[in-house]
Amino acid sequence: LNLGSGQEISINQLAGKVSQALQRDCRIDYEPCRPGDVRRLYADAAKATQLLGFQPTIPLEDGLAKLCQWYLQQPLSPQELLAQETIRNWEA
């Protein structure tokens, strides 16, 4: 199921919101597009509402702030936590 606010957001706008949540000026690196790259996001919770009765209650900005706080409360640094992530994009 996809979850989202039902409002479109560009990747650039999302990066700006992450920068605000981190309360720092983050440099955005632009790379050449890859096949299948998403330039703008639009997701809603309609299917989750239909099947599960789920209703989103936390605005994106608040959710990003909570995620940043979670990372900061972990015993490992954010860089160490991210290094442990399994990335499954572009698998053949």
C-alpha atoms as a PDB file:
ATOM      1  CA  LEU A   1       0.000   0.000   0.000  1.00  0.00           C
ATOM      2  CA  ASN A   2       1.180   3.505  -0.776  1.00  0.00           C
ATOM      3  CA  LEU A   3       0.771   6.117   1.897  1.00  0.00           C
ATOM      4  CA  GLY A   4       0.843   9.823   1.274  1.00  0.00           C
ATOM      5  CA  SER A   5      -0.898  13.125   1.793  1.00  0.00           C
ATOM      6  CA  GLY A   6      -2.643  13.233  -1.568  1.00  0.00           C
ATOM      7  CA  GLN A   7      -0.614  16.355  -2.447  1.00  0.00           C
ATOM      8  CA  GLU A   8       2.060  16.314  -5.132  1.00  0.00           C
ATOM      9  CA  ILE A   9       5.621  17.210  -4.137  1.00  0.00           C
ATOM     10  CA  SER A  10       8.765  17.435  -6.249  1.00  0.00           C
ATOM     11  CA  ILE A  11      11.939  15.684  -5.170  1.00  0.00           C
ATOM     12  CA  ASN A  12      13.558  19.123  -4.910  1.00  0.00           C
ATOM     13  CA  GLN A  13      10.778  20.318  -2.572  1.00  0.00           C
ATOM     14  CA  LEU A  14      11.110  17.138  -0.507  1.00  0.00           C
ATOM     15  CA  ALA A  15      14.861  17.697  -0.188  1.00  0.00           C
ATOM     16  CA  GLY A  16      14.128  21.227   1.065  1.00  0.00           C
ATOM     17  CA  LYS A  17      11.720  19.864   3.683  1.00  0.00           C
ATOM     18  CA  VAL A  18      14.339  17.357   4.851  1.00  0.00           C
ATOM     19  CA  SER A  19      16.842  20.216   5.140  1.00  0.00           C
ATOM     20  CA  GLN A  20      14.337  22.161   7.264  1.00  0.00           C
ATOM     21  CA  ALA A  21      13.654  19.123   9.466  1.00  0.00           C
ATOM     22  CA  LEU A  22      17.392  18.753  10.055  1.00  0.00           C
ATOM     23  CA  GLN A  23      17.563  22.482  10.836  1.00  0.00           C
ATOM     24  CA  ARG A  24      20.585  22.928   8.602  1.00  0.00           C
ATOM     25  CA  ASP A  25      21.375  24.086   5.113  1.00  0.00           C
ATOM     26  CA  CYS A  26      21.907  20.862   3.180  1.00  0.00           C
ATOM     27  CA  ARG A  27      23.655  20.876  -0.172  1.00  0.00           C
ATOM     28  CA  ILE A  28      21.672  19.070  -2.844  1.00  0.00           C
ATOM     29  CA  ASP A  29      23.773  17.147  -5.366  1.00  0.00           C
ATOM     30  CA  TYR A  30      22.172  16.778  -8.778  1.00  0.00           C
ATOM     31  CA  GLU A  31      23.063  13.710 -10.812  1.00  0.00           C
ATOM     32  CA  PRO A  32      22.027  12.739 -14.346  1.00  0.00           C
ATOM     33  CA  CYS A  33      18.607  11.070 -14.462  1.00  0.00           C
ATOM     34  CA  ARG A  34      18.465   7.286 -14.487  1.00  0.00           C
ATOM     35  CA  PRO A  35      15.775   5.238 -16.225  1.00  0.00           C
ATOM     36  CA  GLY A  36      12.712   5.159 -14.007  1.00  0.00           C
ATOM     37  CA  ASP A  37      13.772   8.048 -11.751  1.00  0.00           C
ATOM     38  CA  VAL A  38      10.871   9.782 -10.054  1.00  0.00           C
ATOM     39  CA  ARG A  39      10.916  13.568 -10.432  1.00  0.00           C
ATOM     40  CA  ARG A  40       7.693  14.270  -8.547  1.00  0.00           C
ATOM     41  CA  LEU A  41       5.768  12.262  -5.983  1.00  0.00           C
ATOM     42  CA  TYR A  42       2.041  11.906  -5.582  1.00  0.00           C
ATOM     43  CA  ALA A  43       0.739   9.308  -3.179  1.00  0.00           C
ATOM     44  CA  ASP A  44      -2.398   9.093  -1.138  1.00  0.00           C
ATOM     45  CA  ALA A  45      -3.830   6.773   1.468  1.00  0.00           C
ATOM     46  CA  ALA A  46      -7.087   5.986  -0.372  1.00  0.00           C
ATOM     47  CA  LYS A  47      -6.416   2.239  -0.635  1.00  0.00           C
ATOM     48  CA  ALA A  48      -5.273   2.040   3.017  1.00  0.00           C
ATOM     49  CA  THR A  49      -8.403   3.967   4.020  1.00  0.00           C
ATOM     50  CA  GLN A  50     -10.598   1.622   1.978  1.00  0.00           C
ATOM     51  CA  LEU A  51      -9.012  -1.603   3.234  1.00  0.00           C
ATOM     52  CA  LEU A  52      -7.904  -0.706   6.759  1.00  0.00           C
ATOM     53  CA  GLY A  53      -9.729   2.461   7.744  1.00  0.00           C
ATOM     54  CA  PHE A  54      -6.354   4.224   7.969  1.00  0.00           C
ATOM     55  CA  GLN A  55      -6.360   8.013   7.938  1.00  0.00           C
ATOM     56  CA  PRO A  56      -3.082   9.964   7.868  1.00  0.00           C
ATOM     57  CA  THR A  57      -2.867  12.332  10.831  1.00  0.00           C
ATOM     58  CA  ILE A  58       0.732  13.596  10.814  1.00  0.00           C
ATOM     59  CA  PRO A  59       1.769  16.298   8.329  1.00  0.00           C
ATOM     60  CA  LEU A  60       4.889  15.540   6.253  1.00  0.00           C
ATOM     61  CA  GLU A  61       6.950  18.197   8.033  1.00  0.00           C
ATOM     62  CA  ASP A  62       6.089  16.746  11.467  1.00  0.00           C
ATOM     63  CA  GLY A  63       6.823  13.195  10.306  1.00  0.00           C
ATOM     64  CA  LEU A  64      10.215  14.244   8.946  1.00  0.00           C
ATOM     65  CA  ALA A  65      11.024  16.023  12.234  1.00  0.00           C
ATOM     66  CA  LYS A  66      10.088  12.880  14.190  1.00  0.00           C
ATOM     67  CA  LEU A  67      12.228  10.729  11.876  1.00  0.00           C
ATOM     68  CA  CYS A  68      15.207  13.062  12.377  1.00  0.00           C
ATOM     69  CA  GLN A  69      14.734  12.894  16.159  1.00  0.00           C
ATOM     70  CA  TRP A  70      14.594   9.083  15.993  1.00  0.00           C
ATOM     71  CA  TYR A  71      17.906   8.997  14.101  1.00  0.00           C
ATOM     72  CA  LEU A  72      19.498  11.327  16.649  1.00  0.00           C
ATOM     73  CA  GLN A  73      18.357   9.141  19.567  1.00  0.00           C
ATOM     74  CA  GLN A  74      19.974   5.986  18.204  1.00  0.00           C
ATOM     75  CA  PRO A  75      23.303   4.717  19.612  1.00  0.00           C
ATOM     76  CA  LEU A  76      24.822   4.739  16.104  1.00  0.00           C
ATOM     77  CA  SER A  77      25.369   7.866  14.036  1.00  0.00           C
ATOM     78  CA  PRO A  78      22.939   8.581  11.185  1.00  0.00           C
ATOM     79  CA  GLN A  79      25.763   7.761   8.763  1.00  0.00           C
ATOM     80  CA  GLU A  80      26.322   4.355  10.420  1.00  0.00           C
ATOM     81  CA  LEU A  81      22.588   3.613  10.391  1.00  0.00           C
ATOM     82  CA  LEU A  82      22.280   4.568   6.732  1.00  0.00           C
ATOM     83  CA  ALA A  83      25.315   2.423   5.884  1.00  0.00           C
ATOM     84  CA  GLN A  84      23.365  -0.572   7.243  1.00  0.00           C
ATOM     85  CA  GLU A  85      20.382   0.083   4.968  1.00  0.00           C
ATOM     86  CA  THR A  86      19.743  -2.409   2.192  1.00  0.00           C
ATOM     87  CA  ILE A  87      19.069  -0.564  -1.046  1.00  0.00           C
ATOM     88  CA  ARG A  88      16.988  -2.561  -3.499  1.00  0.00           C
ATOM     89  CA  ASN A  89      16.654  -0.039  -6.333  1.00  0.00           C
ATOM     90  CA  TRP A  90      17.528  -1.158  -9.820  1.00  0.00           C
ATOM     91  CA  GLU A  91      17.805  -4.859  -9.053  1.00  0.00           C
ATOM     92  CA  ALA A  92      17.709  -7.091 -12.089  1.00  0.00           C
END
